[in-house]
Protein backbone atom coordinates (compact mmCIF):
# COMPACT_ATOMS: atom_id res chain seq x y z
CA MET A 1 0.00 0.00 0.00
CA SER A 2 1.08 3.55 -0.61
CA GLN A 3 1.94 5.61 2.46
CA ARG A 4 -0.90 8.08 1.95
CA PRO A 5 -4.37 6.47 2.01
CA THR A 6 -6.04 6.60 -1.39
CA LEU A 7 -9.65 5.88 -2.31
CA LEU A 8 -10.25 4.49 -5.82
CA ILE A 9 -13.85 5.21 -6.92
CA VAL A 10 -15.19 3.87 -10.21
CA ASP A 11 -18.30 4.93 -12.13
CA GLY A 12 -19.52 1.41 -12.85
CA HIS A 13 -22.01 2.04 -15.64
CA SER A 14 -19.86 4.61 -17.39
CA MET A 15 -16.81 2.37 -17.53
CA ALA A 16 -18.77 -0.82 -18.27
CA PHE A 17 -20.40 0.90 -21.24
CA ARG A 18 -17.04 2.05 -22.56
CA ALA A 19 -15.63 -1.45 -22.10
CA PHE A 20 -18.58 -2.83 -24.06
CA PHE A 21 -17.78 -0.69 -27.08
CA ALA A 22 -14.02 -1.17 -26.75
CA LEU A 23 -14.18 -4.95 -27.17
CA PRO A 24 -16.05 -6.69 -30.01
CA VAL A 25 -19.08 -8.42 -28.53
CA GLU A 26 -18.84 -11.34 -30.94
CA ASN A 27 -15.40 -12.25 -29.54
CA PHE A 28 -16.63 -12.49 -25.95
CA THR A 29 -19.50 -14.94 -25.80
CA THR A 30 -19.62 -18.07 -23.66
CA ARG A 31 -20.75 -21.47 -24.91
CA THR A 32 -24.12 -20.78 -23.29
CA GLY A 33 -24.53 -17.58 -25.31
CA GLN A 34 -23.76 -15.09 -22.52
CA HIS A 35 -22.07 -11.93 -23.81
CA THR A 36 -19.11 -10.92 -21.62
CA ASN A 37 -17.15 -8.20 -23.43
CA ALA A 38 -18.15 -5.43 -20.97
CA VAL A 39 -17.38 -7.68 -18.00
CA HIS A 40 -13.97 -8.66 -19.37
CA GLY A 41 -13.00 -5.09 -20.23
CA PHE A 42 -14.22 -3.69 -16.91
CA VAL A 43 -12.51 -6.31 -14.74
CA SER A 44 -9.30 -6.05 -16.77
CA MET A 45 -9.30 -2.26 -16.28
CA LEU A 46 -10.06 -2.54 -12.55
CA THR A 47 -7.38 -5.12 -11.79
CA ARG A 48 -4.81 -3.08 -13.72
CA LEU A 49 -5.76 0.05 -11.76
CA ILE A 50 -5.48 -1.77 -8.44
CA LYS A 51 -2.04 -3.05 -9.39
CA ASP A 52 -0.79 0.30 -10.74
CA GLU A 53 -2.34 2.66 -8.17
CA ASP A 54 -2.29 0.40 -5.09
CA PRO A 55 -5.27 2.11 -3.42
CA SER A 56 -5.99 1.54 0.24
CA HIS A 57 -9.77 1.82 -0.29
CA ILE A 58 -12.05 0.93 -3.25
CA ALA A 59 -15.69 1.42 -4.25
CA VAL A 60 -17.71 1.12 -7.46
CA ALA A 61 -20.87 3.18 -7.99
CA PHE A 62 -23.74 2.20 -10.28
CA ASP A 63 -26.80 3.97 -11.64
CA LEU A 64 -30.20 2.42 -11.01
CA PRO A 65 -32.93 1.93 -13.62
CA GLY A 66 -35.52 4.67 -13.79
CA GLY A 67 -35.30 8.39 -13.24
CA THR A 68 -33.48 10.61 -10.78
CA PHE A 69 -34.18 14.00 -9.24
CA ARG A 70 -32.69 15.50 -12.40
CA THR A 71 -35.25 13.86 -14.70
CA GLU A 72 -37.96 15.07 -12.32
CA GLN A 73 -36.73 18.64 -12.84
CA TYR A 74 -36.09 18.29 -16.58
CA GLN A 75 -37.92 15.53 -18.40
CA ASP A 76 -35.54 15.53 -21.36
CA TYR A 77 -32.42 15.08 -19.22
CA LYS A 78 -30.24 12.46 -20.94
CA GLY A 79 -33.01 12.03 -23.52
CA GLY A 80 -32.29 11.29 -27.14
CA ARG A 81 -29.60 8.71 -26.40
CA ALA A 82 -29.37 5.71 -28.69
CA ALA A 83 -31.05 2.57 -27.41
CA THR A 84 -28.83 0.42 -25.22
CA PRO A 85 -27.55 -2.61 -27.16
CA PRO A 86 -29.43 -5.73 -26.00
CA GLU A 87 -26.14 -7.52 -25.29
CA PHE A 88 -25.18 -4.96 -22.60
CA PRO A 89 -27.70 -4.79 -19.70
CA GLY A 90 -27.21 -8.30 -18.28
CA GLN A 91 -23.47 -7.72 -18.08
CA VAL A 92 -23.80 -5.12 -15.33
CA GLU A 93 -25.17 -7.76 -12.96
CA LEU A 94 -22.27 -10.03 -13.87
CA ILE A 95 -19.82 -7.23 -13.06
CA LYS A 96 -21.48 -6.88 -9.65
CA GLU A 97 -21.05 -10.63 -9.10
CA VAL A 98 -17.34 -10.32 -9.87
CA LEU A 99 -17.04 -7.37 -7.48
CA ASP A 100 -18.72 -9.41 -4.74
CA ALA A 101 -16.23 -12.25 -5.29
CA LEU A 102 -13.38 -9.73 -5.16
CA ASN A 103 -14.82 -8.23 -1.94
CA ILE A 104 -15.14 -4.79 -3.53
CA THR A 105 -18.08 -2.70 -2.36
CA HIS A 106 -20.54 -1.45 -4.97
CA LEU A 107 -23.17 1.19 -4.27
CA SER A 108 -26.34 2.66 -5.74
CA VAL A 109 -28.72 5.27 -4.33
CA PRO A 110 -32.34 5.56 -5.56
CA GLY A 111 -33.07 8.93 -7.18
CA TYR A 112 -29.40 9.78 -7.72
CA GLU A 113 -26.70 9.02 -10.27
CA ALA A 114 -23.43 7.21 -9.76
CA ASP A 115 -21.77 10.62 -10.25
CA ASP A 116 -23.36 11.83 -7.02
CA ILE A 117 -21.95 8.85 -5.14
CA LEU A 118 -18.50 9.58 -6.59
CA ALA A 119 -18.82 13.21 -5.51
CA THR A 120 -19.91 12.28 -1.99
CA LEU A 121 -17.10 9.76 -1.52
CA ALA A 122 -14.45 12.05 -3.01
CA THR A 123 -15.58 14.87 -0.71
CA SER A 124 -15.54 12.55 2.31
CA ALA A 125 -12.08 11.28 1.40
CA SER A 126 -10.71 14.83 1.17
CA ALA A 127 -12.23 15.67 4.56
CA ALA A 128 -10.49 12.59 5.99
CA ASP A 129 -7.15 13.73 4.49
CA MET A 130 -7.15 10.95 1.90
CA ASP A 131 -6.41 11.18 -1.80
CA ALA A 132 -9.10 10.09 -4.23
CA LEU A 133 -8.91 8.69 -7.76
CA VAL A 134 -12.23 9.05 -9.58
CA VAL A 135 -12.56 6.80 -12.65
CA SER A 136 -15.31 8.16 -14.88
CA GLY A 137 -16.09 8.88 -18.51
CA ASP A 138 -18.51 11.64 -17.51
CA ARG A 139 -17.08 15.13 -17.86
CA ASP A 140 -19.22 16.35 -14.95
CA ALA A 141 -16.61 14.66 -12.74
CA MET A 142 -14.13 17.42 -13.66
CA GLN A 143 -15.74 19.65 -11.04
CA LEU A 144 -14.41 17.27 -8.36
CA VAL A 145 -10.75 17.74 -9.26
CA THR A 146 -8.53 19.26 -6.57
CA ASP A 147 -4.98 18.75 -5.35
CA GLN A 148 -6.33 15.68 -3.51
CA VAL A 149 -8.82 14.43 -6.11
CA THR A 150 -7.69 13.26 -9.55
CA VAL A 151 -10.09 12.12 -12.27
CA LEU A 152 -8.93 9.25 -14.45
CA TYR A 153 -10.77 9.96 -17.70
CA PRO A 154 -10.87 7.37 -20.49
CA LYS A 155 -8.96 8.53 -23.53
CA GLN A 156 -9.23 5.31 -25.49
CA GLY A 157 -11.72 2.62 -24.52
CA VAL A 158 -10.85 1.68 -20.95
CA SER A 159 -7.20 0.83 -21.57
CA LYS A 160 -5.85 4.38 -21.59
CA LEU A 161 -6.88 6.78 -18.83
CA GLU A 162 -5.88 10.44 -18.72
CA ARG A 163 -4.95 11.88 -15.31
CA MET A 164 -7.00 15.04 -14.88
CA THR A 165 -5.32 17.23 -12.25
CA PRO A 166 -6.26 20.89 -11.68
CA GLN A 167 -3.59 21.91 -14.19
CA ALA A 168 -4.75 19.34 -16.77
CA VAL A 169 -8.38 20.49 -16.47
CA GLU A 170 -7.38 24.12 -16.97
CA GLU A 171 -5.22 23.27 -19.98
CA LYS A 172 -7.94 21.21 -21.64
CA TYR A 173 -11.07 23.20 -20.79
CA LEU A 174 -9.62 26.72 -20.25
CA VAL A 175 -11.14 27.03 -16.78
CA SER A 176 -10.37 25.74 -13.29
CA PRO A 177 -12.19 22.59 -12.09
CA GLU A 178 -14.62 24.56 -9.91
CA ARG A 179 -15.52 26.66 -12.95
CA TYR A 180 -15.93 23.66 -15.26
CA PRO A 181 -19.68 23.18 -14.53
CA GLU A 182 -20.19 26.91 -15.16
CA LEU A 183 -18.55 26.53 -18.57
CA ALA A 184 -20.65 23.42 -19.25
CA ALA A 185 -23.80 25.35 -18.33
CA LEU A 186 -22.98 27.86 -21.06
CA VAL A 187 -21.84 25.53 -23.84
CA GLY A 188 -24.18 22.65 -22.94
CA GLU A 189 -23.54 18.93 -22.58
CA HIS A 190 -24.64 16.74 -25.46
CA ALA A 191 -24.33 13.51 -23.47
CA ASP A 192 -26.87 14.80 -20.93
CA ASN A 193 -29.11 16.42 -23.58
CA LEU A 194 -28.50 19.85 -22.04
CA PRO A 195 -28.43 22.40 -24.88
CA GLY A 196 -26.11 25.36 -24.45
CA VAL A 197 -26.23 28.92 -25.71
CA PRO A 198 -26.20 28.92 -29.55
CA GLY A 199 -23.05 30.53 -30.90
CA VAL A 200 -21.16 30.25 -27.61
CA GLY A 201 -18.24 27.83 -27.57
CA PRO A 202 -15.71 26.97 -24.85
CA LYS A 203 -13.34 29.85 -25.67
CA THR A 204 -16.08 32.49 -25.46
CA ALA A 205 -17.56 30.91 -22.33
CA ALA A 206 -14.15 30.78 -20.63
CA LYS A 207 -13.46 34.41 -21.59
CA TRP A 208 -16.78 35.53 -20.10
CA LEU A 209 -16.27 33.58 -16.87
CA ALA A 210 -12.84 35.16 -16.42
CA ALA A 211 -14.05 38.68 -17.23
CA TYR A 212 -17.06 38.50 -14.90
CA ASP A 213 -15.41 36.34 -12.21
CA GLY A 214 -17.88 33.49 -12.49
CA LEU A 215 -21.30 32.53 -13.77
CA ASP A 216 -23.33 34.21 -11.02
CA ASN A 217 -21.83 37.60 -11.84
CA LEU A 218 -22.23 36.94 -15.56
CA LEU A 219 -25.92 36.15 -15.14
CA ALA A 220 -26.45 39.17 -12.90
CA ASP A 221 -24.85 41.48 -15.47
CA ALA A 222 -26.15 39.75 -18.61
CA ASP A 223 -27.26 43.04 -20.20
CA SER A 224 -23.65 44.19 -20.46
CA VAL A 225 -22.48 41.24 -22.60
CA LYS A 226 -21.88 42.62 -26.08
CA GLY A 227 -22.40 41.32 -29.62
CA LYS A 228 -24.50 38.55 -31.15
CA ALA A 229 -23.19 36.07 -28.60
CA GLY A 230 -24.38 38.36 -25.79
CA ALA A 231 -27.85 38.58 -27.36
CA SER A 232 -27.97 34.79 -27.73
CA PHE A 233 -26.92 34.45 -24.09
CA ARG A 234 -29.74 36.72 -22.92
CA ASP A 235 -32.22 34.69 -24.98
CA HIS A 236 -31.16 31.49 -23.21
CA LEU A 237 -30.64 32.55 -19.60
CA ASP A 238 -33.17 30.01 -18.35
CA ASP A 239 -31.33 27.19 -20.17
CA VAL A 240 -28.04 28.24 -18.58
CA ARG A 241 -29.57 28.35 -15.10
CA ARG A 242 -31.18 24.94 -15.63
CA ASN A 243 -27.92 23.43 -16.90
CA ARG A 244 -26.01 24.72 -13.90
CA ARG A 245 -28.63 23.41 -11.51
CA LEU A 246 -28.57 19.95 -13.06
CA ASN A 247 -24.82 19.54 -13.56
CA ALA A 248 -23.99 20.26 -9.92
CA LEU A 249 -23.02 16.95 -8.34
CA VAL A 250 -24.45 16.10 -4.92
CA ARG A 251 -21.64 15.82 -2.38
CA ASP A 252 -23.51 14.91 0.80
CA LEU A 253 -25.55 11.78 0.10
CA GLU A 254 -26.34 9.51 3.02
CA LEU A 255 -24.59 6.26 2.12
CA GLU A 256 -24.94 2.86 3.73
CA VAL A 257 -21.18 2.60 4.16
CA GLY A 258 -18.42 4.82 5.48
CA LEU A 259 -14.83 5.17 4.31
CA ASP A 260 -13.63 2.50 6.75
CA ASP A 261 -15.98 0.00 5.11
CA LEU A 262 -14.25 0.57 1.77
CA ALA A 263 -10.80 -0.56 2.92
CA ARG A 264 -9.27 -3.16 0.61
CA ARG A 265 -10.02 -6.69 1.69
CA SER A 266 -8.74 -10.09 0.66
CA TRP A 267 -10.78 -11.61 -2.11
CA ASP A 268 -12.52 -14.95 -2.37
CA GLN A 269 -10.28 -16.92 -4.71
CA GLN A 270 -12.58 -19.93 -4.93
CA ALA A 271 -15.69 -17.87 -5.74
CA THR A 272 -13.74 -15.78 -8.23
CA ARG A 273 -12.29 -18.85 -9.95
CA GLN A 274 -15.73 -20.46 -10.26
CA LEU A 275 -17.21 -17.29 -11.69
CA PHE A 276 -14.34 -16.79 -14.12
CA ASP A 277 -14.65 -20.42 -15.24
CA SER A 278 -18.36 -19.91 -15.96
CA LEU A 279 -17.52 -16.72 -17.90
CA GLU A 280 -14.62 -18.54 -19.64
CA PHE A 281 -12.10 -15.88 -18.54
CA ARG A 282 -8.90 -17.93 -18.67
CA SER A 283 -6.28 -15.27 -19.38
CA LEU A 284 -7.99 -12.79 -17.06
CA TRP A 285 -7.84 -15.27 -14.18
CA ASP A 286 -4.07 -15.50 -14.59
CA ARG A 287 -3.83 -11.71 -14.33
CA VAL A 288 -6.12 -11.40 -11.32
CA LYS A 289 -4.39 -14.09 -9.27
CA ALA A 290 -0.89 -12.75 -10.07
């Protein structure tokens, strides 16, 4: 273990979905017809992270079926997404079975997204003077980045993760992590079906946020924003306010477990071997047991 305690937190659905599309589904099917590409990719990523990062604590967060408080506020939130491939949904339950065998805690909270669990745990870890590594393909996680919290953002499938530090966020998005959701409120977020201000891109949004020292001041002084972009901004103030309200991650959820419950534990080799045999994961077993 590293000297400083580190919590590794994984967005389960986000990374499982990326693993699904990174590995050809036709190459990962058991004799019984069970598709396993998402499971294989996810478990491979997780075991590699554990080996490379050596965290002292681990948790995986999953979304639940149905809506959240965000869809209650905005019916079209995350609407318009392509239908989930039929080979994917059953694999999430298999991933949870693997996590159980590996003695890794997984969490879900009704009415909230996995992102909110990540935010709550990262905030708790910082308060406990721990580092946190947040593994997520959702850009909303950028708002969590601090000197103690690093986002590992998938750059290519799930095999290559980019370390998003405060400096990396600023270089990539032109704003500091705490300003990232303000920028996203202005430019929108296609993945969440949150339309931004027409004609306003990241460079303009970042320039405005710097000039007005944040979104609140920008909204309060909207009449002073010049040009066509300023007029477009004034026409879409309600959209910007809605986006900012919805992209704020919840950092104080009541969870069934505390940080101490997430400490790394020895895994059940027999249960894991049986499960891997049923999934026909021969090479992956060799990596996990190493």
